[in-house]
Amino acid sequence: MLKINGVSAKSPKTFSVDIEDLDGDSYRNVLGQLTRDRIATKRKLSCEWGPLKNEEISTILTSVKDVFFMVEYPDPVEGQVLTKEFYVGTRTSPVYNWSEGKVRWEGLKMNFIEK
C-alpha cells in the first residue's frame, strides 16, 4: 500500500488522507465576507500500524529519517497511486509486548506532510 523512498512498508492498520488548503493573506472585509488567498493544496497522510517486529518497525522508521523523502500512496482526489515528496511529524512507537527478551511493537503512528 505504501512505499517510502522506494521501500515497501508493511501496510498500516489505519490510513487516512487529509486534503489541506494553505492560505496566504486571507481576511474578512467590513461586510464579514472572506477574501481568501489559497496558495496551495497539500496532503497529510495519517498512518498507524498494528503489531510490528523489530525489523519491520526499523525499516519504516529508517525510511523516514531524511528531512524529505518520497512516498507512493493511493490518492483519493486523483483516484490513483501517486508519488510525492513528504516530511514526517512526530513518530510514536509504543511497546505492545516484551517477553523473553523480544520486543513487539504496536501502534506506531506518524503523519507524512507534503512538502
PDB file of N, CA and C in Angstrom:
ATOM      1  N   MET A   1       0.822  -1.195   0.000  1.00  0.00           N
ATOM      2  CA  MET A   1       0.000   0.000   0.000  1.00  0.00           C
ATOM      3  C   MET A   1       0.867   1.261   0.000  1.00  0.00           C
ATOM      4  N   LEU A   2       1.935   1.275   0.792  1.00  0.00           N
ATOM      5  CA  LEU A   2       2.831   2.428   0.868  1.00  0.00           C
ATOM      6  C   LEU A   2       4.244   2.031   0.477  1.00  0.00           C
ATOM      7  N   LYS A   3       4.895   2.926  -0.244  1.00  0.00           N
ATOM      8  CA  LYS A   3       6.332   2.795  -0.480  1.00  0.00           C
ATOM      9  C   LYS A   3       6.959   4.092   0.001  1.00  0.00           C
ATOM     10  N   ILE A   4       7.984   3.958   0.827  1.00  0.00           N
ATOM     11  CA  ILE A   4       8.679   5.121   1.358  1.00  0.00           C
ATOM     12  C   ILE A   4      10.106   5.067   0.842  1.00  0.00           C
ATOM     13  N   ASN A   5      10.486   6.066   0.055  1.00  0.00           N
ATOM     14  CA  ASN A   5      11.795   6.087  -0.600  1.00  0.00           C
ATOM     15  C   ASN A   5      12.046   4.807  -1.387  1.00  0.00           C
ATOM     16  N   GLY A   6      10.991   4.305  -2.035  1.00  0.00           N
ATOM     17  CA  GLY A   6      11.114   3.117  -2.862  1.00  0.00           C
ATOM     18  C   GLY A   6      11.053   1.805  -2.109  1.00  0.00           C
ATOM     19  N   VAL A   7      10.950   1.856  -0.773  1.00  0.00           N
ATOM     20  CA  VAL A   7      10.904   0.647   0.047  1.00  0.00           C
ATOM     21  C   VAL A   7       9.458   0.363   0.445  1.00  0.00           C
ATOM     22  N   SER A   8       8.987  -0.847   0.167  1.00  0.00           N
ATOM     23  CA  SER A   8       7.629  -1.222   0.566  1.00  0.00           C
ATOM     24  C   SER A   8       7.557  -1.336   2.084  1.00  0.00           C
ATOM     25  N   ALA A   9       6.591  -0.628   2.657  1.00  0.00           N
ATOM     26  CA  ALA A   9       6.370  -0.691   4.104  1.00  0.00           C
ATOM     27  C   ALA A   9       5.207  -1.635   4.372  1.00  0.00           C
ATOM     28  N   LYS A  10       5.223  -2.267   5.530  1.00  0.00           N
ATOM     29  CA  LYS A  10       4.080  -3.080   5.923  1.00  0.00           C
ATOM     30  C   LYS A  10       2.854  -2.176   5.889  1.00  0.00           C
ATOM     31  N   SER A  11       1.741  -2.709   5.401  1.00  0.00           N
ATOM     32  CA  SER A  11       0.525  -1.897   5.294  1.00  0.00           C
ATOM     33  C   SER A  11       0.070  -1.450   6.673  1.00  0.00           C
ATOM     34  N   PRO A  12      -0.272  -0.170   6.803  1.00  0.00           N
ATOM     35  CA  PRO A  12      -0.747   0.313   8.096  1.00  0.00           C
ATOM     36  C   PRO A  12      -2.126  -0.241   8.433  1.00  0.00           C
ATOM     37  N   LYS A  13      -2.409  -0.293   9.732  1.00  0.00           N
ATOM     38  CA  LYS A  13      -3.721  -0.725  10.214  1.00  0.00           C
ATOM     39  C   LYS A  13      -4.768   0.322   9.841  1.00  0.00           C
ATOM     40  N   THR A  14      -4.412   1.595  10.012  1.00  0.00           N
ATOM     41  CA  THR A  14      -5.293   2.680   9.591  1.00  0.00           C
ATOM     42  C   THR A  14      -4.495   3.657   8.742  1.00  0.00           C
ATOM     43  N   PHE A  15      -5.169   4.200   7.747  1.00  0.00           N
ATOM     44  CA  PHE A  15      -4.538   5.129   6.810  1.00  0.00           C
ATOM     45  C   PHE A  15      -5.598   6.126   6.384  1.00  0.00           C
ATOM     46  N   SER A  16      -5.293   7.418   6.487  1.00  0.00           N
ATOM     47  CA  SER A  16      -6.232   8.421   6.003  1.00  0.00           C
ATOM     48  C   SER A  16      -5.460   9.550   5.330  1.00  0.00           C
ATOM     49  N   VAL A  17      -6.137  10.193   4.391  1.00  0.00           N
ATOM     50  CA  VAL A  17      -5.544  11.296   3.641  1.00  0.00           C
ATOM     51  C   VAL A  17      -6.329  12.559   3.960  1.00  0.00           C
ATOM     52  N   ASP A  18      -5.654  13.559   4.514  1.00  0.00           N
ATOM     53  CA  ASP A  18      -6.248  14.873   4.718  1.00  0.00           C
ATOM     54  C   ASP A  18      -5.833  15.744   3.544  1.00  0.00           C
ATOM     55  N   ILE A  19      -6.786  16.483   3.012  1.00  0.00           N
ATOM     56  CA  ILE A  19      -6.507  17.420   1.925  1.00  0.00           C
ATOM     57  C   ILE A  19      -6.608  18.811   2.550  1.00  0.00           C
ATOM     58  N   GLU A  20      -5.466  19.486   2.625  1.00  0.00           N
ATOM     59  CA  GLU A  20      -5.388  20.738   3.361  1.00  0.00           C
ATOM     60  C   GLU A  20      -5.074  21.904   2.430  1.00  0.00           C
ATOM     61  N   ASP A  21      -5.824  22.979   2.593  1.00  0.00           N
ATOM     62  CA  ASP A  21      -5.551  24.210   1.858  1.00  0.00           C
ATOM     63  C   ASP A  21      -4.590  25.065   2.674  1.00  0.00           C
ATOM     64  N   LEU A  22      -3.608  25.625   2.008  1.00  0.00           N
ATOM     65  CA  LEU A  22      -2.693  26.572   2.644  1.00  0.00           C
ATOM     66  C   LEU A  22      -3.054  27.964   2.152  1.00  0.00           C
ATOM     67  N   ASP A  23      -3.309  28.849   3.090  1.00  0.00           N
ATOM     68  CA  ASP A  23      -3.700  30.209   2.749  1.00  0.00           C
ATOM     69  C   ASP A  23      -2.565  31.180   2.979  1.00  0.00           C
ATOM     70  N   GLY A  24      -2.516  32.186   2.127  1.00  0.00           N
ATOM     71  CA  GLY A  24      -1.602  33.308   2.314  1.00  0.00           C
ATOM     72  C   GLY A  24      -2.322  34.353   3.149  1.00  0.00           C
ATOM     73  N   ASP A  25      -2.499  35.529   2.610  1.00  0.00           N
ATOM     74  CA  ASP A  25      -3.207  36.599   3.307  1.00  0.00           C
ATOM     75  C   ASP A  25      -4.704  36.465   3.074  1.00  0.00           C
ATOM     76  N   SER A  26      -5.401  35.925   4.048  1.00  0.00           N
ATOM     77  CA  SER A  26      -6.850  35.820   3.998  1.00  0.00           C
ATOM     78  C   SER A  26      -7.413  36.696   5.104  1.00  0.00           C
ATOM     79  N   TYR A  27      -8.511  37.357   4.821  1.00  0.00           N
ATOM     80  CA  TYR A  27      -9.104  38.248   5.820  1.00  0.00           C
ATOM     81  C   TYR A  27     -10.579  38.446   5.510  1.00  0.00           C
ATOM     82  N   ARG A  28     -11.301  39.000   6.459  1.00  0.00           N
ATOM     83  CA  ARG A  28     -12.710  39.339   6.272  1.00  0.00           C
ATOM     84  C   ARG A  28     -12.827  40.848   6.115  1.00  0.00           C
ATOM     85  N   ASN A  29     -13.653  41.261   5.156  1.00  0.00           N
ATOM     86  CA  ASN A  29     -13.850  42.692   4.948  1.00  0.00           C
ATOM     87  C   ASN A  29     -14.895  43.225   5.931  1.00  0.00           C
ATOM     88  N   VAL A  30     -15.271  44.488   5.803  1.00  0.00           N
ATOM     89  CA  VAL A  30     -16.209  45.109   6.745  1.00  0.00           C
ATOM     90  C   VAL A  30     -17.599  44.494   6.681  1.00  0.00           C
ATOM     91  N   LEU A  31     -17.922  43.796   5.605  1.00  0.00           N
ATOM     92  CA  LEU A  31     -19.207  43.100   5.488  1.00  0.00           C
ATOM     93  C   LEU A  31     -19.133  41.669   6.025  1.00  0.00           C
ATOM     94  N   GLY A  32     -17.958  41.282   6.491  1.00  0.00           N
ATOM     95  CA  GLY A  32     -17.777  39.931   7.024  1.00  0.00           C
ATOM     96  C   GLY A  32     -17.517  38.886   5.961  1.00  0.00           C
ATOM     97  N   GLN A  33     -17.324  39.303   4.724  1.00  0.00           N
ATOM     98  CA  GLN A  33     -17.055  38.367   3.646  1.00  0.00           C
ATOM     99  C   GLN A  33     -15.570  38.026   3.603  1.00  0.00           C
ATOM    100  N   LEU A  34     -15.298  36.776   3.362  1.00  0.00           N
ATOM    101  CA  LEU A  34     -13.923  36.295   3.355  1.00  0.00           C
ATOM    102  C   LEU A  34     -13.252  36.585   2.022  1.00  0.00           C
ATOM    103  N   THR A  35     -12.087  37.171   2.098  1.00  0.00           N
ATOM    104  CA  THR A  35     -11.189  37.275   0.961  1.00  0.00           C
ATOM    105  C   THR A  35     -10.073  36.284   1.237  1.00  0.00           C
ATOM    106  N   ARG A  36      -9.974  35.306   0.364  1.00  0.00           N
ATOM    107  CA  ARG A  36      -9.072  34.186   0.637  1.00  0.00           C
ATOM    108  C   ARG A  36      -8.009  34.078  -0.433  1.00  0.00           C
ATOM    109  N   ASP A  37      -6.789  33.925   0.015  1.00  0.00           N
ATOM    110  CA  ASP A  37      -5.661  33.748  -0.883  1.00  0.00           C
ATOM    111  C   ASP A  37      -5.121  32.333  -0.691  1.00  0.00           C
ATOM    112  N   ARG A  38      -5.767  31.371  -1.370  1.00  0.00           N
ATOM    113  CA  ARG A  38      -5.300  29.989  -1.266  1.00  0.00           C
ATOM    114  C   ARG A  38      -4.069  29.857  -2.143  1.00  0.00           C
ATOM    115  N   ILE A  39      -2.938  29.462  -1.519  1.00  0.00           N
ATOM    116  CA  ILE A  39      -1.689  29.391  -2.269  1.00  0.00           C
ATOM    117  C   ILE A  39      -1.329  27.967  -2.692  1.00  0.00           C
ATOM    118  N   ALA A  40      -1.908  26.972  -2.001  1.00  0.00           N
ATOM    119  CA  ALA A  40      -1.611  25.582  -2.369  1.00  0.00           C
ATOM    120  C   ALA A  40      -2.579  24.642  -1.670  1.00  0.00           C
ATOM    121  N   THR A  41      -2.698  23.440  -2.217  1.00  0.00           N
ATOM    122  CA  THR A  41      -3.428  22.348  -1.582  1.00  0.00           C
ATOM    123  C   THR A  41      -2.429  21.218  -1.384  1.00  0.00           C
ATOM    124  N   LYS A  42      -2.318  20.750  -0.149  1.00  0.00           N
ATOM    125  CA  LYS A  42      -1.333  19.725   0.201  1.00  0.00           C
ATOM    126  C   LYS A  42      -2.016  18.537   0.856  1.00  0.00           C
ATOM    127  N   ARG A  43      -1.311  17.415   0.880  1.00  0.00           N
ATOM    128  CA  ARG A  43      -1.810  16.198   1.514  1.00  0.00           C
ATOM    129  C   ARG A  43      -1.103  15.957   2.844  1.00  0.00           C
ATOM    130  N   LYS A  44      -1.849  15.401   3.795  1.00  0.00           N
ATOM    131  CA  LYS A  44      -1.262  14.874   5.024  1.00  0.00           C
ATOM    132  C   LYS A  44      -1.752  13.439   5.157  1.00  0.00           C
ATOM    133  N   LEU A  45      -0.820  12.507   5.227  1.00  0.00           N
ATOM    134  CA  LEU A  45      -1.138  11.085   5.345  1.00  0.00           C
ATOM    135  C   LEU A  45      -0.980  10.682   6.804  1.00  0.00           C
ATOM    136  N   SER A  46      -2.052  10.202   7.416  1.00  0.00           N
ATOM    137  CA  SER A  46      -2.014   9.747   8.807  1.00  0.00           C
ATOM    138  C   SER A  46      -1.994   8.229   8.809  1.00  0.00           C
ATOM    139  N   CYS A  47      -0.965   7.660   9.457  1.00  0.00           N
ATOM    140  CA  CYS A  47      -0.776   6.210   9.452  1.00  0.00           C
ATOM    141  C   CYS A  47      -0.631   5.683  10.864  1.00  0.00           C
ATOM    142  N   GLU A  48      -1.208   4.506  11.091  1.00  0.00           N
ATOM    143  CA  GLU A  48      -0.994   3.776  12.338  1.00  0.00           C
ATOM    144  C   GLU A  48      -0.874   2.296  12.001  1.00  0.00           C
ATOM    145  N   TRP A  49       0.147   1.678  12.550  1.00  0.00           N
ATOM    146  CA  TRP A  49       0.402   0.262  12.278  1.00  0.00           C
ATOM    147  C   TRP A  49      -0.026  -0.607  13.442  1.00  0.00           C
ATOM    148  N   GLY A  50      -0.368  -1.845  13.124  1.00  0.00           N
ATOM    149  CA  GLY A  50      -0.663  -2.861  14.128  1.00  0.00           C
ATOM    150  C   GLY A  50       0.646  -3.442  14.642  1.00  0.00           C
ATOM    151  N   PRO A  51       0.627  -4.696  15.096  1.00  0.00           N
ATOM    152  CA  PRO A  51       1.845  -5.312  15.626  1.00  0.00           C
ATOM    153  C   PRO A  51       2.981  -5.326  14.604  1.00  0.00           C
ATOM    154  N   LEU A  52       4.169  -4.946  15.066  1.00  0.00           N
ATOM    155  CA  LEU A  52       5.356  -4.916  14.208  1.00  0.00           C
ATOM    156  C   LEU A  52       6.516  -5.613  14.898  1.00  0.00           C
ATOM    157  N   LYS A  53       7.265  -6.375  14.130  1.00  0.00           N
ATOM    158  CA  LYS A  53       8.512  -6.957  14.628  1.00  0.00           C
ATOM    159  C   LYS A  53       9.577  -5.873  14.613  1.00  0.00           C
ATOM    160  N   ASN A  54      10.680  -6.116  15.307  1.00  0.00           N
ATOM    161  CA  ASN A  54      11.782  -5.150  15.339  1.00  0.00           C
ATOM    162  C   ASN A  54      12.241  -4.760  13.941  1.00  0.00           C
ATOM    163  N   GLU A  55      12.375  -5.747  13.050  1.00  0.00           N
ATOM    164  CA  GLU A  55      12.840  -5.466  11.692  1.00  0.00           C
ATOM    165  C   GLU A  55      11.849  -4.583  10.928  1.00  0.00           C
ATOM    166  N   GLU A  56      10.548  -4.835  11.132  1.00  0.00           N
ATOM    167  CA  GLU A  56       9.517  -4.082  10.416  1.00  0.00           C
ATOM    168  C   GLU A  56       9.469  -2.617  10.867  1.00  0.00           C
ATOM    169  N   ILE A  57       9.489  -2.390  12.165  1.00  0.00           N
ATOM    170  CA  ILE A  57       9.436  -1.012  12.663  1.00  0.00           C
ATOM    171  C   ILE A  57      10.718  -0.270  12.300  1.00  0.00           C
ATOM    172  N   SER A  58      11.833  -0.974  12.346  1.00  0.00           N
ATOM    173  CA  SER A  58      13.103  -0.359  11.981  1.00  0.00           C
ATOM    174  C   SER A  58      13.108   0.058  10.510  1.00  0.00           C
ATOM    175  N   THR A  59      12.577  -0.793   9.634  1.00  0.00           N
ATOM    176  CA  THR A  59      12.503  -0.465   8.203  1.00  0.00           C
ATOM    177  C   THR A  59      11.691   0.805   7.988  1.00  0.00           C
ATOM    178  N   ILE A  60      10.547   0.909   8.644  1.00  0.00           N
ATOM    179  CA  ILE A  60       9.684   2.080   8.479  1.00  0.00           C
ATOM    180  C   ILE A  60      10.374   3.330   9.014  1.00  0.00           C
ATOM    181  N   LEU A  61      10.880   3.259  10.256  1.00  0.00           N
ATOM    182  CA  LEU A  61      11.495   4.443  10.872  1.00  0.00           C
ATOM    183  C   LEU A  61      12.775   4.871  10.149  1.00  0.00           C
ATOM    184  N   THR A  62      13.534   3.926   9.653  1.00  0.00           N
ATOM    185  CA  THR A  62      14.756   4.261   8.910  1.00  0.00           C
ATOM    186  C   THR A  62      14.416   4.934   7.586  1.00  0.00           C
ATOM    187  N   SER A  63      13.321   4.525   6.970  1.00  0.00           N
ATOM    188  CA  SER A  63      12.957   5.088   5.662  1.00  0.00           C
ATOM    189  C   SER A  63      12.477   6.538   5.750  1.00  0.00           C
ATOM    190  N   VAL A  64      12.159   7.026   6.949  1.00  0.00           N
ATOM    191  CA  VAL A  64      11.698   8.416   7.110  1.00  0.00           C
ATOM    192  C   VAL A  64      12.722   9.282   7.845  1.00  0.00           C
ATOM    193  N   LYS A  65      13.965   8.836   7.918  1.00  0.00           N
ATOM    194  CA  LYS A  65      14.977   9.563   8.689  1.00  0.00           C
ATOM    195  C   LYS A  65      15.471  10.832   8.006  1.00  0.00           C
ATOM    196  N   ASP A  66      15.360  10.903   6.682  1.00  0.00           N
ATOM    197  CA  ASP A  66      15.804  12.103   5.970  1.00  0.00           C
ATOM    198  C   ASP A  66      14.815  13.251   6.175  1.00  0.00           C
ATOM    199  N   VAL A  67      15.268  14.460   5.925  1.00  0.00           N
ATOM    200  CA  VAL A  67      14.405  15.632   6.080  1.00  0.00           C
ATOM    201  C   VAL A  67      13.195  15.520   5.157  1.00  0.00           C
ATOM    202  N   PHE A  68      13.412  15.160   3.899  1.00  0.00           N
ATOM    203  CA  PHE A  68      12.344  14.946   2.930  1.00  0.00           C
ATOM    204  C   PHE A  68      12.553  13.596   2.269  1.00  0.00           C
ATOM    205  N   PHE A  69      11.465  12.968   1.860  1.00  0.00           N
ATOM    206  CA  PHE A  69      11.529  11.651   1.227  1.00  0.00           C
ATOM    207  C   PHE A  69      10.294  11.473   0.350  1.00  0.00           C
ATOM    208  N   MET A  70      10.361  10.516  -0.551  1.00  0.00           N
ATOM    209  CA  MET A  70       9.265  10.241  -1.477  1.00  0.00           C
ATOM    210  C   MET A  70       8.350   9.166  -0.890  1.00  0.00           C
ATOM    211  N   VAL A  71       7.038   9.369  -1.052  1.00  0.00           N
ATOM    212  CA  VAL A  71       6.050   8.380  -0.600  1.00  0.00           C
ATOM    213  C   VAL A  71       5.123   8.066  -1.769  1.00  0.00           C
ATOM    214  N   GLU A  72       4.940   6.790  -2.015  1.00  0.00           N
ATOM    215  CA  GLU A  72       3.968   6.311  -3.005  1.00  0.00           C
ATOM    216  C   GLU A  72       2.750   5.845  -2.223  1.00  0.00           C
ATOM    217  N   TYR A  73       1.584   6.407  -2.543  1.00  0.00           N
ATOM    218  CA  TYR A  73       0.379   6.154  -1.753  1.00  0.00           C
ATOM    219  C   TYR A  73      -0.858   6.281  -2.642  1.00  0.00           C
ATOM    220  N   PRO A  74      -1.982   5.688  -2.239  1.00  0.00           N
ATOM    221  CA  PRO A  74      -3.223   5.852  -3.002  1.00  0.00           C
ATOM    222  C   PRO A  74      -3.834   7.224  -2.684  1.00  0.00           C
ATOM    223  N   ASP A  75      -4.101   8.011  -3.720  1.00  0.00           N
ATOM    224  CA  ASP A  75      -4.623   9.363  -3.529  1.00  0.00           C
ATOM    225  C   ASP A  75      -6.107   9.402  -3.891  1.00  0.00           C
ATOM    226  N   PRO A  76      -6.974   9.834  -2.955  1.00  0.00           N
ATOM    227  CA  PRO A  76      -8.410   9.819  -3.233  1.00  0.00           C
ATOM    228  C   PRO A  76      -8.851  10.891  -4.229  1.00  0.00           C
ATOM    229  N   VAL A  77      -8.141  11.990  -4.332  1.00  0.00           N
ATOM    230  CA  VAL A  77      -8.522  13.060  -5.263  1.00  0.00           C
ATOM    231  C   VAL A  77      -8.230  12.635  -6.689  1.00  0.00           C
ATOM    232  N   GLU A  78      -7.031  12.120  -6.914  1.00  0.00           N
ATOM    233  CA  GLU A  78      -6.623  11.719  -8.268  1.00  0.00           C
ATOM    234  C   GLU A  78      -7.153  10.342  -8.654  1.00  0.00           C
ATOM    235  N   GLY A  79      -7.560   9.550  -7.653  1.00  0.00           N
ATOM    236  CA  GLY A  79      -8.089   8.218  -7.938  1.00  0.00           C
ATOM    237  C   GLY A  79      -7.044   7.240  -8.441  1.00  0.00           C
ATOM    238  N   GLN A  80      -5.799   7.466  -8.049  1.00  0.00           N
ATOM    239  CA  GLN A  80      -4.715   6.574  -8.460  1.00  0.00           C
ATOM    240  C   GLN A  80      -3.577   6.664  -7.449  1.00  0.00           C
ATOM    241  N   VAL A  81      -2.589   5.827  -7.654  1.00  0.00           N
ATOM    242  CA  VAL A  81      -1.406   5.846  -6.793  1.00  0.00           C
ATOM    243  C   VAL A  81      -0.490   6.972  -7.264  1.00  0.00           C
ATOM    244  N   LEU A  82      -0.087   7.832  -6.327  1.00  0.00           N
ATOM    245  CA  LEU A  82       0.808   8.956  -6.637  1.00  0.00           C
ATOM    246  C   LEU A  82       2.096   8.817  -5.854  1.00  0.00           C
ATOM    247  N   THR A  83       3.129   9.490  -6.315  1.00  0.00           N
ATOM    248  CA  THR A  83       4.382   9.610  -5.582  1.00  0.00           C
ATOM    249  C   THR A  83       4.647  11.089  -5.399  1.00  0.00           C
ATOM    250  N   LYS A  84       4.767  11.509  -4.123  1.00  0.00           N
ATOM    251  CA  LYS A  84       5.012  12.912  -3.802  1.00  0.00           C
ATOM    252  C   LYS A  84       6.079  12.988  -2.712  1.00  0.00           C
ATOM    253  N   GLU A  85       6.619  14.197  -2.549  1.00  0.00           N
ATOM    254  CA  GLU A  85       7.659  14.425  -1.548  1.00  0.00           C
ATOM    255  C   GLU A  85       7.015  14.872  -0.233  1.00  0.00           C
ATOM    256  N   PHE A  86       7.423  14.239   0.855  1.00  0.00           N
ATOM    257  CA  PHE A  86       6.857  14.493   2.180  1.00  0.00           C
ATOM    258  C   PHE A  86       7.962  14.677   3.212  1.00  0.00           C
ATOM    259  N   TYR A  87       7.550  15.158   4.381  1.00  0.00           N
ATOM    260  CA  TYR A  87       8.374  15.091   5.586  1.00  0.00           C
ATOM    261  C   TYR A  87       7.514  14.447   6.659  1.00  0.00           C
ATOM    262  N   VAL A  88       8.134  14.028   7.748  1.00  0.00           N
ATOM    263  CA  VAL A  88       7.399  13.306   8.781  1.00  0.00           C
ATOM    264  C   VAL A  88       7.249  14.167  10.030  1.00  0.00           C
ATOM    265  N   GLY A  89       6.121  13.968  10.716  1.00  0.00           N
ATOM    266  CA  GLY A  89       5.895  14.612  12.008  1.00  0.00           C
ATOM    267  C   GLY A  89       6.416  13.709  13.119  1.00  0.00           C
ATOM    268  N   THR A  90       5.863  13.857  14.292  1.00  0.00           N
ATOM    269  CA  THR A  90       6.260  13.051  15.450  1.00  0.00           C
ATOM    270  C   THR A  90       5.987  11.574  15.181  1.00  0.00           C
ATOM    271  N   ARG A  91       6.948  10.746  15.552  1.00  0.00           N
ATOM    272  CA  ARG A  91       6.802   9.301  15.440  1.00  0.00           C
ATOM    273  C   ARG A  91       6.598   8.726  16.838  1.00  0.00           C
ATOM    274  N   THR A  92       5.460   8.044  17.051  1.00  0.00           N
ATOM    275  CA  THR A  92       5.147   7.437  18.338  1.00  0.00           C
ATOM    276  C   THR A  92       5.153   5.929  18.169  1.00  0.00           C
ATOM    277  N   SER A  93       5.939   5.242  19.008  1.00  0.00           N
ATOM    278  CA  SER A  93       6.059   3.789  18.848  1.00  0.00           C
ATOM    279  C   SER A  93       5.986   3.079  20.196  1.00  0.00           C
ATOM    280  N   PRO A  94       4.774   2.816  20.690  1.00  0.00           N
ATOM    281  CA  PRO A  94       4.637   2.125  21.977  1.00  0.00           C
ATOM    282  C   PRO A  94       4.951   0.625  21.891  1.00  0.00           C
ATOM    283  N   VAL A  95       5.486   0.110  22.985  1.00  0.00           N
ATOM    284  CA  VAL A  95       5.750  -1.334  23.084  1.00  0.00           C
ATOM    285  C   VAL A  95       4.431  -2.033  23.395  1.00  0.00           C
ATOM    286  N   TYR A  96       4.166  -3.097  22.673  1.00  0.00           N
ATOM    287  CA  TYR A  96       2.935  -3.858  22.854  1.00  0.00           C
ATOM    288  C   TYR A  96       3.194  -5.088  23.725  1.00  0.00           C
ATOM    289  N   ASN A  97       4.368  -5.690  23.581  1.00  0.00           N
ATOM    290  CA  ASN A  97       4.672  -6.905  24.325  1.00  0.00           C
ATOM    291  C   ASN A  97       6.180  -7.021  24.471  1.00  0.00           C
ATOM    292  N   TRP A  98       6.605  -7.448  25.633  1.00  0.00           N
ATOM    293  CA  TRP A  98       8.028  -7.639  25.885  1.00  0.00           C
ATOM    294  C   TRP A  98       8.170  -8.933  26.672  1.00  0.00           C
ATOM    295  N   SER A  99       8.559  -9.994  25.982  1.00  0.00           N
ATOM    296  CA  SER A  99       8.722 -11.269  26.680  1.00  0.00           C
ATOM    297  C   SER A  99       9.923 -12.004  26.125  1.00  0.00           C
ATOM    298  N   GLU A 100      10.606 -12.677  27.025  1.00  0.00           N
ATOM    299  CA  GLU A 100      11.783 -13.471  26.679  1.00  0.00           C
ATOM    300  C   GLU A 100      12.796 -12.663  25.867  1.00  0.00           C
ATOM    301  N   GLY A 101      12.942 -11.390  26.215  1.00  0.00           N
ATOM    302  CA  GLY A 101      13.918 -10.533  25.564  1.00  0.00           C
ATOM    303  C   GLY A 101      13.534 -10.071  24.171  1.00  0.00           C
ATOM    304  N   LYS A 102      12.334 -10.397  23.737  1.00  0.00           N
ATOM    305  CA  LYS A 102      11.872  -9.980  22.412  1.00  0.00           C
ATOM    306  C   LYS A 102      10.806  -8.891  22.564  1.00  0.00           C
ATOM    307  N   VAL A 103      10.984  -7.849  21.796  1.00  0.00           N
ATOM    308  CA  VAL A 103      10.048  -6.729  21.836  1.00  0.00           C
ATOM    309  C   VAL A 103       9.117  -6.809  20.644  1.00  0.00           C
ATOM    310  N   ARG A 104       7.836  -6.592  20.887  1.00  0.00           N
ATOM    311  CA  ARG A 104       6.839  -6.438  19.815  1.00  0.00           C
ATOM    312  C   ARG A 104       6.259  -5.035  19.968  1.00  0.00           C
ATOM    313  N   TRP A 105       6.063  -4.398  18.857  1.00  0.00           N
ATOM    314  CA  TRP A 105       5.574  -3.023  18.838  1.00  0.00           C
ATOM    315  C   TRP A 105       4.166  -3.004  18.264  1.00  0.00           C
ATOM    316  N   GLU A 106       3.322  -2.126  18.775  1.00  0.00           N
ATOM    317  CA  GLU A 106       2.004  -1.935  18.187  1.00  0.00           C
ATOM    318  C   GLU A 106       1.577  -0.495  18.395  1.00  0.00           C
ATOM    319  N   GLY A 107       1.018   0.062  17.348  1.00  0.00           N
ATOM    320  CA  GLY A 107       0.515   1.419  17.451  1.00  0.00           C
ATOM    321  C   GLY A 107       1.484   2.475  16.964  1.00  0.00           C
ATOM    322  N   LEU A 108       2.508   2.079  16.175  1.00  0.00           N
ATOM    323  CA  LEU A 108       3.388   3.079  15.582  1.00  0.00           C
ATOM    324  C   LEU A 108       2.520   4.063  14.813  1.00  0.00           C
ATOM    325  N   LYS A 109       2.661   5.348  15.139  1.00  0.00           N
ATOM    326  CA  LYS A 109       1.865   6.385  14.489  1.00  0.00           C
ATOM    327  C   LYS A 109       2.787   7.444  13.938  1.00  0.00           C
ATOM    328  N   MET A 110       2.442   7.968  12.773  1.00  0.00           N
ATOM    329  CA  MET A 110       3.144   9.105  12.210  1.00  0.00           C
ATOM    330  C   MET A 110       2.317   9.723  11.104  1.00  0.00           C
ATOM    331  N   ASN A 111       2.576  10.988  10.867  1.00  0.00           N
ATOM    332  CA  ASN A 111       1.940  11.714   9.771  1.00  0.00           C
ATOM    333  C   ASN A 111       3.002  12.096   8.764  1.00  0.00           C
ATOM    334  N   PHE A 112       2.661  11.940   7.497  1.00  0.00           N
ATOM    335  CA  PHE A 112       3.512  12.422   6.416  1.00  0.00           C
ATOM    336  C   PHE A 112       2.866  13.692   5.880  1.00  0.00           C
ATOM    337  N   ILE A 113       3.600  14.783   5.860  1.00  0.00           N
ATOM    338  CA  ILE A 113       3.082  16.068   5.414  1.00  0.00           C
ATOM    339  C   ILE A 113       3.776  16.433   4.109  1.00  0.00           C
ATOM    340  N   GLU A 114       2.962  16.738   3.097  1.00  0.00           N
ATOM    341  CA  GLU A 114       3.517  17.049   1.786  1.00  0.00           C
ATOM    342  C   GLU A 114       4.358  18.315   1.825  1.00  0.00           C
ATOM    343  N   LYS A 115       5.503  18.266   1.154  1.00  0.00           N
ATOM    344  CA  LYS A 115       6.430  19.400   1.114  1.00  0.00           C
ATOM    345  C   LYS A 115       5.795  20.589   0.413  1.00  0.00           C
TER     346      LYS A 115
END
